[in-house]
N, C-alpha and C. Protein backbone atom coordinates (compact mmCIF):
# COMPACT_ATOMS: atom_id res chain seq x y z
N MET A 1 37.12 -42.41 5.74
CA MET A 1 36.71 -41.63 6.93
C MET A 1 35.39 -40.91 6.68
N TYR A 2 35.17 -40.48 5.44
CA TYR A 2 33.93 -39.78 5.09
C TYR A 2 33.27 -40.51 3.91
N PRO A 3 32.71 -41.70 4.19
CA PRO A 3 32.16 -42.49 3.08
C PRO A 3 31.05 -41.80 2.32
N PHE A 4 30.35 -40.87 2.97
CA PHE A 4 29.26 -40.22 2.26
C PHE A 4 29.72 -39.26 1.19
N LEU A 5 31.04 -39.04 1.12
CA LEU A 5 31.57 -38.17 0.10
C LEU A 5 31.98 -38.90 -1.17
N ASP A 6 31.97 -40.27 -1.13
CA ASP A 6 32.35 -40.97 -2.35
C ASP A 6 31.25 -40.82 -3.40
N SER A 7 31.57 -41.13 -4.63
CA SER A 7 30.65 -40.86 -5.73
C SER A 7 29.34 -41.61 -5.60
N GLU A 8 29.41 -42.88 -5.18
CA GLU A 8 28.20 -43.68 -5.10
C GLU A 8 27.26 -43.15 -4.03
N ASN A 9 27.82 -42.92 -2.81
CA ASN A 9 26.97 -42.41 -1.74
C ASN A 9 26.51 -40.98 -2.01
N GLY A 10 27.38 -40.22 -2.68
CA GLY A 10 26.98 -38.85 -3.01
C GLY A 10 25.77 -38.83 -3.91
N CYS A 11 25.76 -39.72 -4.89
CA CYS A 11 24.60 -39.80 -5.80
C CYS A 11 23.36 -40.23 -5.04
N LEU A 12 23.56 -41.18 -4.10
CA LEU A 12 22.42 -41.65 -3.32
C LEU A 12 21.82 -40.53 -2.48
N LEU A 13 22.71 -39.78 -1.81
CA LEU A 13 22.22 -38.68 -0.97
C LEU A 13 21.58 -37.59 -1.80
N ASN A 14 22.17 -37.30 -2.96
CA ASN A 14 21.58 -36.30 -3.84
C ASN A 14 20.19 -36.73 -4.31
N GLY A 15 20.07 -38.02 -4.60
CA GLY A 15 18.78 -38.54 -5.04
C GLY A 15 17.74 -38.45 -3.94
N MET A 16 18.16 -38.80 -2.71
CA MET A 16 17.24 -38.72 -1.56
C MET A 16 16.83 -37.28 -1.32
N SER A 17 17.81 -36.37 -1.42
CA SER A 17 17.51 -34.97 -1.19
C SER A 17 16.52 -34.45 -2.24
N HIS A 18 16.74 -34.87 -3.49
CA HIS A 18 15.84 -34.44 -4.56
C HIS A 18 14.42 -34.96 -4.34
N THR A 19 14.31 -36.24 -3.93
CA THR A 19 13.00 -36.83 -3.67
C THR A 19 12.29 -36.13 -2.51
N THR A 20 13.08 -35.87 -1.45
CA THR A 20 12.51 -35.17 -0.28
C THR A 20 12.01 -33.79 -0.67
N GLY A 21 12.78 -33.11 -1.52
CA GLY A 21 12.38 -31.77 -1.96
C GLY A 21 11.09 -31.80 -2.75
N ILE A 22 10.94 -32.81 -3.62
CA ILE A 22 9.72 -32.94 -4.41
C ILE A 22 8.52 -33.20 -3.51
N ARG A 23 8.70 -34.09 -2.53
CA ARG A 23 7.60 -34.41 -1.61
C ARG A 23 7.20 -33.20 -0.79
N GLN A 24 8.22 -32.44 -0.34
CA GLN A 24 7.92 -31.24 0.46
C GLN A 24 7.18 -30.21 -0.37
N ALA A 25 7.60 -30.05 -1.63
CA ALA A 25 6.93 -29.10 -2.51
C ALA A 25 5.50 -29.52 -2.76
N GLN A 26 5.26 -30.84 -2.96
CA GLN A 26 3.91 -31.33 -3.19
C GLN A 26 3.04 -31.14 -1.96
N LYS A 27 3.65 -31.34 -0.78
CA LYS A 27 2.92 -31.16 0.47
C LYS A 27 2.47 -29.71 0.63
N LEU A 28 3.38 -28.77 0.33
CA LEU A 28 3.04 -27.36 0.43
C LEU A 28 1.98 -26.97 -0.60
N LYS A 29 2.08 -27.58 -1.78
CA LYS A 29 1.11 -27.29 -2.84
C LYS A 29 -0.29 -27.77 -2.43
N THR A 30 -0.38 -28.96 -1.81
CA THR A 30 -1.67 -29.48 -1.36
C THR A 30 -2.23 -28.62 -0.24
N ARG A 31 -1.37 -28.22 0.68
CA ARG A 31 -1.81 -27.37 1.80
C ARG A 31 -2.40 -26.05 1.26
N GLN A 32 -1.70 -25.44 0.31
CA GLN A 32 -2.19 -24.19 -0.25
C GLN A 32 -3.48 -24.39 -1.00
N ALA A 33 -3.60 -25.52 -1.69
CA ALA A 33 -4.84 -25.82 -2.42
C ALA A 33 -6.01 -25.96 -1.47
N LEU A 34 -5.79 -26.54 -0.31
CA LEU A 34 -6.84 -26.66 0.70
C LEU A 34 -7.25 -25.29 1.22
N LEU A 35 -6.27 -24.43 1.45
CA LEU A 35 -6.57 -23.07 1.92
C LEU A 35 -7.36 -22.30 0.86
N ASP A 36 -6.93 -22.40 -0.39
CA ASP A 36 -7.60 -21.67 -1.47
C ASP A 36 -9.03 -22.18 -1.67
N ALA A 37 -9.20 -23.50 -1.61
CA ALA A 37 -10.54 -24.06 -1.79
C ALA A 37 -11.46 -23.64 -0.66
N ALA A 38 -10.94 -23.67 0.57
CA ALA A 38 -11.75 -23.25 1.72
C ALA A 38 -12.16 -21.79 1.60
N LEU A 39 -11.22 -20.95 1.18
CA LEU A 39 -11.52 -19.53 1.03
C LEU A 39 -12.61 -19.30 0.01
N GLU A 40 -12.56 -20.04 -1.08
CA GLU A 40 -13.59 -19.89 -2.11
C GLU A 40 -14.95 -20.35 -1.59
N LEU A 41 -14.98 -21.45 -0.85
CA LEU A 41 -16.23 -21.94 -0.28
C LEU A 41 -16.78 -20.99 0.77
N LEU A 42 -15.88 -20.30 1.47
CA LEU A 42 -16.29 -19.38 2.55
C LEU A 42 -16.85 -18.07 2.02
N GLU A 43 -16.81 -17.89 0.71
CA GLU A 43 -17.44 -16.72 0.11
C GLU A 43 -18.97 -16.79 0.32
N HIS A 44 -19.49 -17.98 0.54
CA HIS A 44 -20.93 -18.16 0.60
C HIS A 44 -21.42 -18.77 1.91
N GLN A 45 -20.54 -18.93 2.88
CA GLN A 45 -20.94 -19.51 4.16
C GLN A 45 -19.91 -19.17 5.23
N SER A 46 -20.28 -19.43 6.48
CA SER A 46 -19.36 -19.19 7.58
C SER A 46 -18.49 -20.42 7.82
N LEU A 47 -17.41 -20.22 8.53
CA LEU A 47 -16.50 -21.34 8.82
C LEU A 47 -17.18 -22.41 9.65
N SER A 48 -18.06 -22.01 10.56
CA SER A 48 -18.72 -22.98 11.43
C SER A 48 -19.61 -23.94 10.64
N SER A 49 -20.03 -23.55 9.45
CA SER A 49 -20.89 -24.41 8.64
C SER A 49 -20.12 -25.14 7.55
N LEU A 50 -18.82 -24.88 7.44
CA LEU A 50 -18.02 -25.49 6.40
C LEU A 50 -17.69 -26.93 6.77
N GLY A 51 -17.96 -27.83 5.83
CA GLY A 51 -17.67 -29.24 6.05
C GLY A 51 -16.30 -29.62 5.53
N LEU A 52 -15.60 -30.45 6.26
CA LEU A 52 -14.28 -30.89 5.86
C LEU A 52 -14.33 -31.57 4.49
N ARG A 53 -15.37 -32.39 4.27
CA ARG A 53 -15.47 -33.12 3.00
C ARG A 53 -15.73 -32.17 1.83
N GLU A 54 -16.36 -31.03 2.09
CA GLU A 54 -16.53 -30.02 1.04
C GLU A 54 -15.18 -29.57 0.52
N VAL A 55 -14.30 -29.32 1.45
CA VAL A 55 -12.97 -28.79 1.09
C VAL A 55 -12.16 -29.85 0.36
N THR A 56 -12.14 -31.08 0.91
CA THR A 56 -11.33 -32.12 0.27
C THR A 56 -11.88 -32.49 -1.11
N ARG A 57 -13.20 -32.46 -1.25
CA ARG A 57 -13.80 -32.76 -2.55
C ARG A 57 -13.39 -31.71 -3.59
N ALA A 58 -13.36 -30.45 -3.16
CA ALA A 58 -12.98 -29.38 -4.06
C ALA A 58 -11.54 -29.52 -4.54
N VAL A 59 -10.69 -30.03 -3.67
CA VAL A 59 -9.26 -30.18 -4.01
C VAL A 59 -8.98 -31.51 -4.69
N GLY A 60 -9.84 -32.51 -4.42
CA GLY A 60 -9.62 -33.82 -4.98
C GLY A 60 -8.70 -34.69 -4.16
N VAL A 61 -8.74 -34.50 -2.82
CA VAL A 61 -7.94 -35.34 -1.92
C VAL A 61 -8.88 -35.98 -0.89
N THR A 62 -8.36 -36.93 -0.17
CA THR A 62 -9.16 -37.63 0.83
C THR A 62 -9.14 -36.87 2.14
N PRO A 63 -10.12 -37.10 3.03
CA PRO A 63 -10.08 -36.51 4.35
C PRO A 63 -8.81 -36.87 5.10
N THR A 64 -8.30 -38.06 4.87
CA THR A 64 -7.03 -38.46 5.53
C THR A 64 -5.91 -37.51 5.11
N ALA A 65 -5.87 -37.14 3.84
CA ALA A 65 -4.85 -36.21 3.36
C ALA A 65 -5.03 -34.83 4.01
N PHE A 66 -6.27 -34.44 4.24
CA PHE A 66 -6.53 -33.16 4.90
C PHE A 66 -5.87 -33.12 6.27
N TYR A 67 -6.01 -34.23 7.01
CA TYR A 67 -5.49 -34.27 8.39
C TYR A 67 -3.97 -34.32 8.46
N ARG A 68 -3.32 -34.49 7.33
CA ARG A 68 -1.87 -34.38 7.32
C ARG A 68 -1.42 -32.91 7.42
N HIS A 69 -2.36 -32.01 7.16
CA HIS A 69 -2.06 -30.58 7.16
C HIS A 69 -2.75 -29.81 8.28
N PHE A 70 -3.96 -30.20 8.62
CA PHE A 70 -4.74 -29.47 9.62
C PHE A 70 -5.47 -30.44 10.53
N ASP A 71 -5.63 -30.03 11.80
CA ASP A 71 -6.36 -30.88 12.77
C ASP A 71 -7.85 -30.87 12.48
N GLY A 72 -8.34 -29.83 11.82
CA GLY A 72 -9.76 -29.70 11.52
C GLY A 72 -10.00 -28.37 10.84
N THR A 73 -11.27 -28.06 10.63
CA THR A 73 -11.58 -26.80 9.93
C THR A 73 -11.20 -25.57 10.76
N ALA A 74 -11.22 -25.71 12.10
CA ALA A 74 -10.81 -24.58 12.93
C ALA A 74 -9.34 -24.24 12.71
N ALA A 75 -8.50 -25.27 12.65
CA ALA A 75 -7.08 -25.05 12.39
C ALA A 75 -6.86 -24.47 11.01
N LEU A 76 -7.65 -24.91 10.04
CA LEU A 76 -7.57 -24.35 8.70
C LEU A 76 -7.94 -22.86 8.74
N GLY A 77 -8.98 -22.52 9.51
CA GLY A 77 -9.38 -21.12 9.65
C GLY A 77 -8.28 -20.27 10.28
N VAL A 78 -7.60 -20.82 11.26
CA VAL A 78 -6.48 -20.09 11.89
C VAL A 78 -5.38 -19.84 10.87
N ALA A 79 -5.11 -20.83 10.03
CA ALA A 79 -4.10 -20.66 8.98
C ALA A 79 -4.50 -19.58 8.00
N LEU A 80 -5.79 -19.47 7.69
CA LEU A 80 -6.27 -18.41 6.81
C LEU A 80 -6.09 -17.03 7.46
N VAL A 81 -6.30 -16.96 8.77
CA VAL A 81 -6.07 -15.69 9.48
C VAL A 81 -4.61 -15.28 9.35
N GLU A 82 -3.71 -16.23 9.56
CA GLU A 82 -2.28 -15.94 9.49
C GLU A 82 -1.88 -15.56 8.07
N GLU A 83 -2.46 -16.21 7.08
CA GLU A 83 -2.17 -15.89 5.68
C GLU A 83 -2.64 -14.49 5.32
N THR A 84 -3.79 -14.09 5.86
CA THR A 84 -4.37 -12.78 5.53
C THR A 84 -3.66 -11.64 6.25
N LEU A 85 -3.46 -11.79 7.54
CA LEU A 85 -2.95 -10.67 8.35
C LEU A 85 -1.45 -10.72 8.59
N GLY A 86 -0.87 -11.91 8.49
CA GLY A 86 0.56 -12.02 8.79
C GLY A 86 1.43 -11.13 7.93
N SER A 87 1.08 -10.99 6.66
CA SER A 87 1.91 -10.20 5.76
C SER A 87 1.88 -8.71 6.09
N LEU A 88 0.89 -8.29 6.85
CA LEU A 88 0.77 -6.86 7.18
C LEU A 88 1.66 -6.46 8.36
N HIS A 89 2.14 -7.44 9.13
CA HIS A 89 2.96 -7.11 10.28
C HIS A 89 4.24 -6.39 9.83
N GLY A 90 4.54 -5.35 10.50
CA GLY A 90 5.71 -4.56 10.18
C GLY A 90 5.44 -3.46 9.17
N MET A 91 4.46 -3.67 8.27
CA MET A 91 4.20 -2.68 7.23
C MET A 91 3.63 -1.40 7.82
N ILE A 92 2.63 -1.56 8.69
CA ILE A 92 1.99 -0.38 9.27
C ILE A 92 2.97 0.38 10.13
N GLY A 93 3.70 -0.35 10.96
CA GLY A 93 4.71 0.30 11.81
C GLY A 93 5.78 0.99 10.97
N ALA A 94 6.17 0.37 9.86
CA ALA A 94 7.19 0.96 8.98
C ALA A 94 6.69 2.26 8.36
N ILE A 95 5.42 2.28 7.97
CA ILE A 95 4.84 3.49 7.38
C ILE A 95 4.84 4.61 8.41
N LEU A 96 4.45 4.29 9.63
CA LEU A 96 4.42 5.31 10.67
C LEU A 96 5.82 5.80 11.00
N ALA A 97 6.78 4.89 10.98
CA ALA A 97 8.15 5.27 11.34
C ALA A 97 8.84 6.06 10.23
N ASP A 98 8.53 5.75 8.96
CA ASP A 98 9.24 6.35 7.84
C ASP A 98 8.68 7.69 7.39
N THR A 99 7.48 8.03 7.86
CA THR A 99 6.85 9.26 7.38
C THR A 99 6.61 10.20 8.55
N GLY A 100 7.41 11.26 8.60
CA GLY A 100 7.24 12.22 9.68
C GLY A 100 6.09 13.18 9.42
N ASP A 101 5.84 13.48 8.15
CA ASP A 101 4.76 14.39 7.81
C ASP A 101 3.41 13.73 8.04
N SER A 102 2.55 14.37 8.82
CA SER A 102 1.29 13.74 9.23
C SER A 102 0.37 13.47 8.06
N GLU A 103 0.32 14.38 7.09
CA GLU A 103 -0.56 14.16 5.93
C GLU A 103 -0.09 12.98 5.08
N GLU A 104 1.21 12.88 4.89
CA GLU A 104 1.74 11.74 4.13
C GLU A 104 1.49 10.44 4.89
N ARG A 105 1.63 10.49 6.18
CA ARG A 105 1.38 9.31 7.01
C ARG A 105 -0.08 8.85 6.87
N LEU A 106 -0.99 9.79 6.91
CA LEU A 106 -2.41 9.45 6.77
C LEU A 106 -2.65 8.79 5.42
N ASP A 107 -2.11 9.41 4.37
CA ASP A 107 -2.33 8.89 3.02
C ASP A 107 -1.76 7.49 2.87
N ARG A 108 -0.55 7.27 3.32
CA ARG A 108 0.10 5.98 3.14
C ARG A 108 -0.58 4.88 3.97
N SER A 109 -1.03 5.23 5.17
CA SER A 109 -1.71 4.24 6.01
C SER A 109 -3.00 3.77 5.36
N VAL A 110 -3.78 4.71 4.84
CA VAL A 110 -5.04 4.36 4.19
C VAL A 110 -4.78 3.64 2.88
N ASP A 111 -3.76 4.09 2.14
CA ASP A 111 -3.43 3.43 0.87
C ASP A 111 -3.03 1.98 1.09
N LEU A 112 -2.32 1.70 2.18
CA LEU A 112 -1.88 0.33 2.46
C LEU A 112 -3.07 -0.60 2.63
N ILE A 113 -4.01 -0.23 3.46
CA ILE A 113 -5.15 -1.13 3.72
C ILE A 113 -6.04 -1.21 2.48
N THR A 114 -6.17 -0.10 1.75
CA THR A 114 -6.97 -0.11 0.52
C THR A 114 -6.38 -1.07 -0.50
N ARG A 115 -5.07 -1.03 -0.66
CA ARG A 115 -4.43 -1.91 -1.63
C ARG A 115 -4.60 -3.39 -1.26
N HIS A 116 -4.43 -3.71 0.01
CA HIS A 116 -4.54 -5.10 0.44
C HIS A 116 -5.98 -5.61 0.31
N VAL A 117 -6.95 -4.79 0.64
CA VAL A 117 -8.34 -5.21 0.51
C VAL A 117 -8.70 -5.40 -0.96
N THR A 118 -8.21 -4.50 -1.82
CA THR A 118 -8.48 -4.61 -3.25
C THR A 118 -7.85 -5.87 -3.84
N GLU A 119 -6.65 -6.19 -3.39
CA GLU A 119 -5.94 -7.35 -3.94
C GLU A 119 -6.43 -8.67 -3.36
N GLN A 120 -6.95 -8.65 -2.12
CA GLN A 120 -7.37 -9.89 -1.45
C GLN A 120 -8.75 -9.75 -0.81
N PRO A 121 -9.77 -9.43 -1.61
CA PRO A 121 -11.09 -9.20 -1.02
C PRO A 121 -11.66 -10.41 -0.29
N ALA A 122 -11.44 -11.62 -0.83
CA ALA A 122 -11.98 -12.81 -0.19
C ALA A 122 -11.36 -13.04 1.18
N HIS A 123 -10.07 -12.79 1.29
CA HIS A 123 -9.39 -12.94 2.58
C HIS A 123 -9.98 -11.99 3.62
N PHE A 124 -10.20 -10.75 3.23
CA PHE A 124 -10.69 -9.77 4.20
C PHE A 124 -12.16 -9.95 4.50
N ARG A 125 -12.92 -10.48 3.55
CA ARG A 125 -14.30 -10.83 3.86
C ARG A 125 -14.34 -11.93 4.91
N PHE A 126 -13.44 -12.87 4.78
CA PHE A 126 -13.34 -13.95 5.75
C PHE A 126 -13.04 -13.37 7.15
N ILE A 127 -12.08 -12.46 7.24
CA ILE A 127 -11.74 -11.85 8.53
C ILE A 127 -12.91 -11.08 9.10
N ALA A 128 -13.57 -10.29 8.26
CA ALA A 128 -14.71 -9.49 8.71
C ALA A 128 -15.83 -10.36 9.26
N ARG A 129 -16.08 -11.50 8.61
CA ARG A 129 -17.14 -12.39 9.04
C ARG A 129 -16.78 -13.17 10.31
N GLU A 130 -15.53 -13.64 10.35
CA GLU A 130 -15.14 -14.55 11.43
C GLU A 130 -14.63 -13.85 12.68
N GLN A 131 -14.39 -12.53 12.59
CA GLN A 131 -13.93 -11.79 13.78
C GLN A 131 -14.90 -11.94 14.94
N HIS A 132 -16.18 -12.05 14.61
CA HIS A 132 -17.21 -12.24 15.64
C HIS A 132 -18.03 -13.50 15.31
N GLY A 133 -17.39 -14.45 14.65
CA GLY A 133 -18.08 -15.67 14.23
C GLY A 133 -18.14 -16.73 15.32
N GLY A 134 -18.55 -17.91 14.92
CA GLY A 134 -18.83 -18.96 15.88
C GLY A 134 -17.69 -19.90 16.19
N VAL A 135 -16.50 -19.68 15.62
CA VAL A 135 -15.36 -20.58 15.87
C VAL A 135 -14.38 -19.86 16.79
N GLY A 136 -14.32 -20.32 18.02
CA GLY A 136 -13.53 -19.63 19.03
C GLY A 136 -12.06 -19.53 18.72
N GLN A 137 -11.46 -20.58 18.16
CA GLN A 137 -10.04 -20.55 17.84
C GLN A 137 -9.72 -19.47 16.82
N VAL A 138 -10.63 -19.31 15.88
CA VAL A 138 -10.41 -18.31 14.84
C VAL A 138 -10.61 -16.90 15.39
N ARG A 139 -11.64 -16.71 16.20
CA ARG A 139 -11.83 -15.40 16.85
C ARG A 139 -10.59 -15.03 17.66
N ALA A 140 -10.06 -16.00 18.39
CA ALA A 140 -8.88 -15.74 19.21
C ALA A 140 -7.67 -15.41 18.35
N ALA A 141 -7.53 -16.10 17.22
CA ALA A 141 -6.41 -15.85 16.32
C ALA A 141 -6.47 -14.44 15.73
N ILE A 142 -7.66 -14.03 15.34
CA ILE A 142 -7.83 -12.67 14.80
C ILE A 142 -7.53 -11.64 15.87
N ALA A 143 -8.06 -11.85 17.07
CA ALA A 143 -7.82 -10.91 18.17
C ALA A 143 -6.33 -10.81 18.49
N ALA A 144 -5.62 -11.93 18.45
CA ALA A 144 -4.19 -11.93 18.74
C ALA A 144 -3.43 -11.15 17.67
N GLN A 145 -3.81 -11.32 16.41
CA GLN A 145 -3.16 -10.57 15.34
C GLN A 145 -3.38 -9.07 15.52
N LEU A 146 -4.60 -8.69 15.85
CA LEU A 146 -4.91 -7.26 16.01
C LEU A 146 -4.18 -6.67 17.21
N ARG A 147 -4.08 -7.45 18.29
CA ARG A 147 -3.29 -6.97 19.44
C ARG A 147 -1.83 -6.79 19.06
N GLY A 148 -1.32 -7.69 18.23
CA GLY A 148 0.05 -7.55 17.76
C GLY A 148 0.24 -6.29 16.95
N PHE A 149 -0.71 -5.99 16.08
CA PHE A 149 -0.64 -4.73 15.32
C PHE A 149 -0.64 -3.53 16.25
N ALA A 150 -1.54 -3.55 17.22
CA ALA A 150 -1.64 -2.41 18.16
C ALA A 150 -0.34 -2.19 18.91
N LEU A 151 0.30 -3.28 19.31
CA LEU A 151 1.57 -3.18 20.03
C LEU A 151 2.66 -2.60 19.12
N GLU A 152 2.71 -3.06 17.87
CA GLU A 152 3.70 -2.55 16.93
C GLU A 152 3.53 -1.05 16.73
N VAL A 153 2.30 -0.63 16.52
CA VAL A 153 2.02 0.80 16.31
C VAL A 153 2.37 1.59 17.57
N ALA A 154 2.00 1.07 18.73
CA ALA A 154 2.28 1.78 19.99
C ALA A 154 3.78 1.96 20.19
N GLN A 155 4.56 0.96 19.82
CA GLN A 155 6.02 1.05 19.99
C GLN A 155 6.60 2.13 19.09
N VAL A 156 6.10 2.21 17.87
CA VAL A 156 6.61 3.23 16.95
C VAL A 156 6.21 4.63 17.43
N LEU A 157 4.94 4.79 17.77
CA LEU A 157 4.46 6.11 18.21
C LEU A 157 5.10 6.52 19.54
N GLY A 158 5.36 5.54 20.38
CA GLY A 158 5.95 5.85 21.68
C GLY A 158 7.36 6.41 21.58
N ALA A 159 8.04 6.16 20.48
CA ALA A 159 9.40 6.67 20.29
C ALA A 159 9.43 8.09 19.74
N GLU A 160 8.26 8.65 19.42
CA GLU A 160 8.21 9.98 18.82
C GLU A 160 8.11 11.07 19.90
N PRO A 161 8.64 12.26 19.61
CA PRO A 161 8.60 13.35 20.58
C PRO A 161 7.18 13.70 21.04
N GLU A 162 6.21 13.52 20.14
CA GLU A 162 4.82 13.84 20.49
C GLU A 162 4.27 12.96 21.61
N SER A 163 4.94 11.84 21.88
CA SER A 163 4.47 10.91 22.91
C SER A 163 5.19 11.11 24.25
N ALA A 164 5.95 12.15 24.37
CA ALA A 164 6.64 12.42 25.65
C ALA A 164 5.60 12.58 26.77
N GLY A 165 5.79 11.84 27.82
CA GLY A 165 4.86 11.91 28.96
C GLY A 165 3.73 10.90 28.91
N TRP A 166 3.61 10.19 27.81
CA TRP A 166 2.55 9.18 27.70
C TRP A 166 2.95 7.92 28.45
N ASP A 167 1.97 7.27 29.09
CA ASP A 167 2.28 5.99 29.71
C ASP A 167 1.93 4.85 28.76
N ARG A 168 2.31 3.63 29.15
CA ARG A 168 2.15 2.47 28.28
C ARG A 168 0.67 2.23 27.94
N GLU A 169 -0.19 2.39 28.93
CA GLU A 169 -1.62 2.14 28.69
C GLU A 169 -2.17 3.06 27.62
N ASP A 170 -1.80 4.33 27.69
CA ASP A 170 -2.30 5.30 26.71
C ASP A 170 -1.72 5.04 25.32
N LEU A 171 -0.46 4.63 25.25
CA LEU A 171 0.15 4.31 23.95
C LEU A 171 -0.53 3.11 23.31
N LEU A 172 -0.84 2.10 24.13
CA LEU A 172 -1.54 0.93 23.60
C LEU A 172 -2.95 1.30 23.14
N MET A 173 -3.58 2.22 23.87
CA MET A 173 -4.89 2.68 23.47
C MET A 173 -4.81 3.40 22.11
N LEU A 174 -3.77 4.22 21.94
CA LEU A 174 -3.60 4.93 20.68
C LEU A 174 -3.32 3.93 19.55
N GLY A 175 -2.46 2.96 19.81
CA GLY A 175 -2.20 1.94 18.81
C GLY A 175 -3.47 1.18 18.44
N GLY A 176 -4.29 0.90 19.44
CA GLY A 176 -5.56 0.23 19.19
C GLY A 176 -6.50 1.05 18.34
N LEU A 177 -6.46 2.37 18.51
CA LEU A 177 -7.31 3.23 17.68
C LEU A 177 -6.91 3.14 16.20
N TYR A 178 -5.62 3.13 15.95
CA TYR A 178 -5.15 3.00 14.58
C TYR A 178 -5.58 1.65 13.99
N VAL A 179 -5.47 0.60 14.77
CA VAL A 179 -5.82 -0.74 14.27
C VAL A 179 -7.33 -0.86 14.08
N ASP A 180 -8.11 -0.33 15.03
CA ASP A 180 -9.56 -0.34 14.88
C ASP A 180 -9.96 0.39 13.61
N HIS A 181 -9.28 1.49 13.35
CA HIS A 181 -9.55 2.26 12.15
C HIS A 181 -9.24 1.43 10.90
N MET A 182 -8.14 0.67 10.95
CA MET A 182 -7.78 -0.19 9.82
C MET A 182 -8.87 -1.21 9.55
N VAL A 183 -9.38 -1.84 10.61
CA VAL A 183 -10.43 -2.86 10.47
C VAL A 183 -11.71 -2.23 9.94
N LEU A 184 -12.08 -1.08 10.49
CA LEU A 184 -13.27 -0.39 10.05
C LEU A 184 -13.18 0.01 8.59
N THR A 185 -12.03 0.49 8.17
CA THR A 185 -11.83 0.88 6.77
C THR A 185 -11.93 -0.32 5.85
N ALA A 186 -11.31 -1.44 6.24
CA ALA A 186 -11.38 -2.65 5.42
C ALA A 186 -12.81 -3.09 5.23
N SER A 187 -13.60 -3.09 6.31
CA SER A 187 -15.01 -3.50 6.23
C SER A 187 -15.79 -2.55 5.33
N ALA A 188 -15.53 -1.25 5.46
CA ALA A 188 -16.23 -0.27 4.64
C ALA A 188 -15.89 -0.43 3.16
N LEU A 189 -14.63 -0.74 2.85
CA LEU A 189 -14.22 -0.95 1.47
C LEU A 189 -14.92 -2.17 0.88
N LEU A 190 -15.03 -3.22 1.64
CA LEU A 190 -15.70 -4.43 1.17
C LEU A 190 -17.18 -4.16 0.90
N GLU A 191 -17.78 -3.38 1.78
CA GLU A 191 -19.19 -3.08 1.64
C GLU A 191 -19.46 -2.15 0.46
N ALA A 192 -18.57 -1.17 0.26
CA ALA A 192 -18.79 -0.15 -0.76
C ALA A 192 -18.50 -0.65 -2.17
N GLY A 193 -17.51 -1.54 -2.29
CA GLY A 193 -17.12 -2.01 -3.62
C GLY A 193 -16.31 -0.95 -4.36
N PRO A 194 -15.86 -1.25 -5.57
CA PRO A 194 -15.00 -0.32 -6.32
C PRO A 194 -15.63 1.05 -6.54
N GLU A 195 -16.95 1.06 -6.76
CA GLU A 195 -17.60 2.34 -7.06
C GLU A 195 -17.64 3.27 -5.85
N GLY A 196 -17.58 2.71 -4.65
CA GLY A 196 -17.62 3.54 -3.45
C GLY A 196 -16.28 3.73 -2.76
N GLU A 197 -15.22 3.21 -3.40
CA GLU A 197 -13.89 3.24 -2.75
C GLU A 197 -13.41 4.66 -2.46
N GLN A 198 -13.60 5.56 -3.39
CA GLN A 198 -13.09 6.93 -3.23
C GLN A 198 -13.68 7.60 -1.99
N GLU A 199 -14.96 7.41 -1.75
CA GLU A 199 -15.60 8.03 -0.59
C GLU A 199 -15.13 7.38 0.71
N VAL A 200 -14.96 6.07 0.69
CA VAL A 200 -14.46 5.37 1.88
C VAL A 200 -13.06 5.88 2.24
N VAL A 201 -12.22 6.04 1.24
CA VAL A 201 -10.86 6.54 1.46
C VAL A 201 -10.88 7.96 2.01
N ARG A 202 -11.75 8.79 1.46
CA ARG A 202 -11.85 10.18 1.94
C ARG A 202 -12.23 10.22 3.41
N VAL A 203 -13.24 9.45 3.79
CA VAL A 203 -13.69 9.44 5.18
C VAL A 203 -12.63 8.83 6.09
N ALA A 204 -11.94 7.79 5.60
CA ALA A 204 -10.90 7.15 6.40
C ALA A 204 -9.77 8.13 6.73
N ARG A 205 -9.39 8.93 5.77
CA ARG A 205 -8.33 9.90 6.01
C ARG A 205 -8.78 10.98 7.01
N ARG A 206 -10.02 11.39 6.93
CA ARG A 206 -10.53 12.39 7.88
C ARG A 206 -10.56 11.84 9.31
N ARG A 207 -10.95 10.57 9.42
CA ARG A 207 -11.00 9.97 10.75
C ARG A 207 -9.60 9.84 11.35
N LEU A 208 -8.64 9.46 10.52
CA LEU A 208 -7.27 9.39 11.02
C LEU A 208 -6.75 10.76 11.42
N ARG A 209 -7.13 11.77 10.66
CA ARG A 209 -6.72 13.13 11.01
C ARG A 209 -7.29 13.54 12.38
N LEU A 210 -8.51 13.11 12.65
CA LEU A 210 -9.12 13.40 13.95
C LEU A 210 -8.34 12.72 15.07
N VAL A 211 -7.94 11.47 14.85
CA VAL A 211 -7.13 10.77 15.85
C VAL A 211 -5.80 11.50 16.07
N THR A 212 -5.19 11.96 14.99
CA THR A 212 -3.91 12.68 15.09
C THR A 212 -4.06 13.97 15.89
N LEU A 213 -5.13 14.71 15.62
CA LEU A 213 -5.37 15.96 16.36
C LEU A 213 -5.64 15.68 17.84
N GLY A 214 -6.39 14.63 18.11
CA GLY A 214 -6.65 14.27 19.49
C GLY A 214 -5.40 13.87 20.23
N ARG A 215 -4.51 13.18 19.53
CA ARG A 215 -3.24 12.79 20.14
C ARG A 215 -2.43 14.01 20.58
N ALA A 216 -2.43 15.05 19.74
CA ALA A 216 -1.65 16.22 20.03
C ALA A 216 -2.09 16.93 21.31
N HIS A 217 -3.34 16.72 21.71
CA HIS A 217 -3.88 17.44 22.87
C HIS A 217 -4.26 16.50 24.02
N TRP A 218 -3.85 15.24 23.93
CA TRP A 218 -4.28 14.26 24.94
C TRP A 218 -3.81 14.64 26.35
N LEU A 219 -2.60 15.18 26.45
CA LEU A 219 -2.06 15.50 27.77
C LEU A 219 -2.35 16.93 28.21
N ASP A 220 -3.12 17.67 27.41
CA ASP A 220 -3.48 19.02 27.80
C ASP A 220 -4.29 18.98 29.11
N ARG A 221 -4.03 19.95 29.95
CA ARG A 221 -4.76 20.06 31.21
C ARG A 221 -5.83 21.15 31.09
N PRO A 222 -6.95 20.98 31.78
CA PRO A 222 -7.99 22.02 31.71
C PRO A 222 -7.46 23.34 32.23
């Protein structure tokens, strides 16, 4: 009734499963190698000038192999956007939700972006360059990620007592201010380098404090 459970078929299925797993792992390894090679090449040029053959040559695969993973360099760029910013989703909102003290919130928010930029400078240089670059799909992907961040932040802040009376438009505007600040801080950190990090962090915290103070008085009437 269940022939696939006999010893012979079981071995066959196990062997097929093992082979499929190896192929899938190799496929993921090649895809990551393409992303890593592209990121390294993009340290010295924009995505719009990056050639597909440059990437495949760096990895040691054929252009045909490239197309098994990406439709073109624009799709590869979108994947890099997701790799860079996707991991941050939920983190910023969690920091805002978990820290009621405003000073601690400021410190943790700035520390989060500082740590990620320090650990992944090439990724964030790519975002900074391509946010206003020449590849429309990538610009759109970055914009969509930033809108997602703004919405997450707005939802967290909207649940706080300080947001009583705020409408959706104003909450989204406030969320956008936090996200714009994150992007500005990341760019400043990249520009300043390790020797200028302390000053960038100091200014970033002061700017966030200004946003926090403005929020407290947004609904004040003359």
